[in-house]
N, C-alpha and C. Protein backbone atom coordinates (compact mmCIF):
# COMPACT_ATOMS: atom_id res chain seq x y z
N MET A 1 77.60 35.86 72.35
CA MET A 1 77.95 35.29 71.56
C MET A 1 78.71 33.67 71.25
N GLU A 2 79.12 33.19 71.88
CA GLU A 2 79.54 32.05 72.00
C GLU A 2 78.28 31.44 70.85
N ASP A 3 77.20 31.46 71.93
CA ASP A 3 76.19 30.49 70.18
C ASP A 3 76.64 30.98 69.06
N VAL A 4 76.32 32.58 68.67
CA VAL A 4 76.56 32.36 67.19
C VAL A 4 77.52 32.22 66.73
N PHE A 5 78.91 31.55 66.80
CA PHE A 5 79.41 31.22 66.12
C PHE A 5 79.21 29.26 65.67
N SER A 6 78.81 28.91 67.38
CA SER A 6 78.55 27.49 67.17
C SER A 6 77.42 27.52 65.97
N GLU A 7 76.02 28.78 66.11
CA GLU A 7 75.39 28.20 65.23
C GLU A 7 76.05 27.75 63.67
N ILE A 8 76.73 29.36 63.70
CA ILE A 8 78.14 29.19 61.70
C ILE A 8 77.92 27.84 61.76
N GLY A 9 78.82 27.69 62.91
CA GLY A 9 79.84 25.95 62.76
C GLY A 9 79.14 25.19 62.40
N LYS A 10 77.45 25.13 62.98
CA LYS A 10 76.81 24.56 62.83
C LYS A 10 76.51 23.92 60.83
N GLY A 11 76.40 25.48 61.06
CA GLY A 11 75.03 25.93 59.69
C GLY A 11 76.77 25.65 57.97
N PHE A 12 77.72 25.71 58.83
CA PHE A 12 78.68 25.56 57.52
C PHE A 12 79.13 23.71 57.62
N LEU A 13 79.16 23.34 58.49
CA LEU A 13 79.03 21.43 58.95
C LEU A 13 78.67 20.88 57.92
N ARG A 14 77.51 21.28 58.04
CA ARG A 14 75.85 20.93 58.09
C ARG A 14 76.25 21.02 56.19
N ALA A 15 76.53 22.45 54.77
CA ALA A 15 76.84 22.04 54.53
C ALA A 15 77.20 21.30 53.63
N ILE A 16 78.89 21.08 54.32
CA ILE A 16 80.15 20.28 54.29
C ILE A 16 79.49 18.77 53.38
N GLY A 17 79.17 18.87 54.79
CA GLY A 17 78.59 17.21 54.84
C GLY A 17 77.01 16.48 53.86
N TYR A 18 75.92 17.81 53.16
CA TYR A 18 75.14 18.22 52.71
C TYR A 18 76.16 17.68 51.08
N ILE A 19 76.84 18.64 50.81
CA ILE A 19 77.95 18.45 49.46
C ILE A 19 77.95 17.46 48.81
N LEU A 20 79.03 16.67 50.41
CA LEU A 20 79.76 15.62 50.24
C LEU A 20 78.82 13.82 50.42
N ALA A 21 77.76 13.81 50.59
CA ALA A 21 76.68 13.01 50.39
C ALA A 21 76.20 13.64 48.91
N GLU A 22 75.63 14.63 48.45
CA GLU A 22 75.18 15.02 47.14
C GLU A 22 76.44 14.01 46.43
N ILE A 23 77.59 14.42 46.83
CA ILE A 23 78.81 14.12 44.90
C ILE A 23 78.62 12.54 45.59
N PHE A 24 78.88 12.16 47.09
CA PHE A 24 78.85 10.37 46.63
C PHE A 24 77.70 9.72 46.01
N TYR A 25 76.41 10.53 46.91
CA TYR A 25 75.61 9.31 46.66
C TYR A 25 75.31 9.94 44.98
N GLY A 26 75.01 11.81 44.49
CA GLY A 26 74.90 11.23 43.60
C GLY A 26 75.74 11.37 42.23
N THR A 27 76.63 11.29 42.82
CA THR A 27 77.29 10.70 41.39
C THR A 27 78.54 9.87 41.69
N ILE A 28 78.52 9.16 42.99
CA ILE A 28 79.84 8.42 42.65
C ILE A 28 78.60 6.75 42.21
N CYS A 29 77.58 6.96 43.27
CA CYS A 29 76.40 5.72 43.59
C CYS A 29 75.64 5.60 41.69
N TYR A 30 74.96 6.93 41.53
CA TYR A 30 74.48 6.55 40.56
C TYR A 30 75.64 6.35 39.29
N TRP A 31 76.83 6.55 38.85
CA TRP A 31 77.35 5.54 37.91
C TRP A 31 77.85 4.37 38.15
N VAL A 32 78.05 4.26 39.63
CA VAL A 32 78.32 2.45 39.65
C VAL A 32 76.85 1.89 39.26
N GLY A 33 76.01 2.51 38.79
CA GLY A 33 74.51 1.82 39.88
C GLY A 33 73.60 1.86 38.43
N TRP A 34 74.49 2.86 37.76
CA TRP A 34 73.67 2.88 36.95
C TRP A 34 74.01 2.11 35.03
N PRO A 35 75.53 1.16 34.98
CA PRO A 35 75.21 0.05 34.08
C PRO A 35 74.25 -1.25 34.73
N ILE A 36 74.59 -1.58 36.07
CA ILE A 36 73.78 -2.10 36.72
C ILE A 36 72.52 -2.54 36.37
N CYS A 37 71.42 -0.69 36.15
CA CYS A 37 70.00 -1.54 36.27
C CYS A 37 69.99 -1.69 34.62
N LYS A 38 70.76 -1.34 34.29
CA LYS A 38 70.69 -0.91 32.62
C LYS A 38 71.25 -2.80 31.50
N LEU A 39 72.57 -2.95 32.71
CA LEU A 39 72.08 -5.14 32.65
C LEU A 39 70.36 -5.68 32.77
N LEU A 40 70.14 -5.73 34.24
CA LEU A 40 69.24 -5.91 34.86
C LEU A 40 67.74 -5.82 34.05
N THR A 41 67.98 -4.97 33.19
CA THR A 41 66.17 -4.30 33.29
C THR A 41 66.47 -4.21 31.16
N PHE A 42 66.91 -5.29 31.18
CA PHE A 42 68.25 -5.41 29.45
C PHE A 42 67.63 -4.29 28.85
N GLY A 43 68.48 -2.51 29.20
CA GLY A 43 68.73 -1.28 28.64
C GLY A 43 67.45 -0.61 29.00
N ARG A 44 65.85 -0.96 28.90
CA ARG A 44 65.36 -0.37 29.36
C ARG A 44 65.48 0.62 30.66
N TYR A 45 65.93 0.37 31.70
CA TYR A 45 65.67 1.71 32.35
C TYR A 45 67.34 1.75 33.43
N PRO A 46 67.70 3.50 33.18
CA PRO A 46 67.09 4.06 33.09
C PRO A 46 66.39 4.79 32.40
N ARG A 47 65.70 5.68 31.81
CA ARG A 47 65.62 6.10 30.21
C ARG A 47 66.08 6.93 30.07
N PRO A 48 65.91 7.83 28.32
CA PRO A 48 67.28 9.54 28.40
C PRO A 48 66.19 9.68 29.71
N LYS A 49 67.16 11.41 29.94
CA LYS A 49 66.80 12.10 30.10
C LYS A 49 65.78 13.12 29.42
N GLN A 50 64.70 13.35 29.92
CA GLN A 50 63.85 14.19 28.65
C GLN A 50 63.67 15.72 29.82
N PHE A 51 64.85 16.99 28.89
CA PHE A 51 64.55 18.25 30.49
C PHE A 51 62.13 18.57 30.17
N VAL A 52 62.30 18.47 31.04
CA VAL A 52 61.57 18.92 31.32
C VAL A 52 61.48 20.02 32.57
N TYR A 53 60.91 21.54 32.01
CA TYR A 53 61.05 22.43 32.85
C TYR A 53 60.00 22.49 33.94
N LEU A 54 60.26 22.78 35.12
CA LEU A 54 59.27 22.68 36.69
C LEU A 54 58.35 21.65 37.05
N GLU A 55 58.94 20.71 36.36
CA GLU A 55 58.81 19.18 36.79
C GLU A 55 60.00 18.22 36.46
N GLY A 56 59.82 17.80 38.08
CA GLY A 56 60.86 16.84 37.76
C GLY A 56 61.16 15.36 38.61
N ASP A 57 61.29 14.70 38.36
CA ASP A 57 61.05 13.55 38.16
C ASP A 57 63.12 12.72 38.61
N SER A 58 62.97 13.33 40.03
CA SER A 58 64.21 11.98 40.09
C SER A 58 64.34 10.40 40.47
N SER A 59 63.02 10.16 40.69
CA SER A 59 62.88 7.73 40.59
C SER A 59 63.91 7.59 40.25
N SER A 60 64.42 7.85 38.74
CA SER A 60 65.41 7.44 37.85
C SER A 60 66.71 7.12 38.66
N GLY A 61 66.80 8.18 38.59
CA GLY A 61 68.22 8.95 39.75
C GLY A 61 68.07 8.82 40.67
N PHE A 62 67.53 8.12 41.34
CA PHE A 62 67.42 7.53 42.75
C PHE A 62 68.12 6.33 43.20
N TRP A 63 67.00 5.21 41.98
CA TRP A 63 66.94 3.72 41.83
C TRP A 63 68.46 3.25 41.86
N CYS A 64 68.80 4.33 40.27
CA CYS A 64 70.62 3.71 40.23
C CYS A 64 71.35 4.34 41.22
N SER A 65 71.10 5.40 41.90
CA SER A 65 71.65 6.15 42.94
C SER A 65 71.96 4.50 43.82
N ALA A 66 70.20 3.99 44.68
CA ALA A 66 70.28 2.56 45.35
C ALA A 66 70.83 2.30 45.26
N VAL A 67 71.60 1.20 43.54
CA VAL A 67 71.83 0.20 43.55
C VAL A 67 72.73 0.24 43.46
N GLY A 68 73.76 1.28 42.93
CA GLY A 68 75.16 1.93 43.49
C GLY A 68 75.74 1.52 44.67
N PHE A 69 74.53 2.06 45.12
CA PHE A 69 74.73 2.56 46.65
C PHE A 69 75.24 1.01 46.98
N MET A 70 74.19 -0.25 47.09
CA MET A 70 74.56 -1.59 48.04
C MET A 70 75.04 -1.69 46.76
N THR A 71 76.09 -1.32 45.80
CA THR A 71 76.59 -2.36 45.21
C THR A 71 78.15 -2.18 45.53
N ILE A 72 78.07 -1.27 46.69
CA ILE A 72 79.56 -0.55 46.77
C ILE A 72 79.91 -0.86 48.57
N ILE A 73 78.30 -1.05 49.19
CA ILE A 73 78.49 -1.96 50.26
C ILE A 73 79.06 -3.57 50.26
N ILE A 74 77.99 -3.78 49.10
CA ILE A 74 78.49 -5.33 49.31
C ILE A 74 80.17 -5.56 48.63
N THR A 75 80.77 -5.13 48.19
CA THR A 75 81.98 -4.70 47.48
C THR A 75 82.47 -4.33 48.49
N VAL A 76 82.41 -3.64 49.12
CA VAL A 76 83.53 -3.24 50.63
C VAL A 76 83.45 -4.65 51.16
N LEU A 77 82.51 -5.20 51.36
CA LEU A 77 82.08 -5.91 53.58
C LEU A 77 82.95 -6.93 52.01
N TYR A 78 82.83 -7.26 50.90
CA TYR A 78 83.54 -8.61 50.65
C TYR A 78 84.61 -8.57 50.12
N PHE A 79 85.65 -7.43 50.06
CA PHE A 79 86.80 -7.29 50.22
C PHE A 79 86.69 -7.33 52.14
N ALA A 80 86.55 -6.82 52.62
CA ALA A 80 86.46 -6.83 53.94
C ALA A 80 86.77 -8.56 54.35
N GLY A 81 86.62 -9.27 54.28
CA GLY A 81 86.01 -10.21 54.57
C GLY A 81 85.10 -10.73 55.16
N ALA A 82 84.16 -9.81 55.05
CA ALA A 82 83.07 -10.19 55.81
C ALA A 82 81.63 -11.41 55.27
N PHE A 83 82.07 -12.17 53.86
CA PHE A 83 81.18 -13.38 53.55
C PHE A 83 81.71 -14.69 54.02
N ALA A 84 83.90 -14.70 53.65
CA ALA A 84 84.09 -15.33 54.35
C ALA A 84 84.20 -16.98 55.53
N SER A 85 83.61 -18.06 54.61
CA SER A 85 83.56 -18.79 55.67
C SER A 85 84.69 -19.06 56.97
């Protein structure tokens, strides 16, 4: 009986972790990285989304989120004093 509850608990915590990661990376990091990508590429990237069903192209979302994530990390490190001489 312990094994059943243990597996249910692991699945529940894994689901909460996935939701939090999706909210942080997919939403917050995307909206931090979006204007930076627009500035660096002079408005060419990311392109406006075209809703084509049955085909998913999430590469622009991934790169904007990655740029936003790196920006957040560098900002936190800067304010933590990691770059101070």
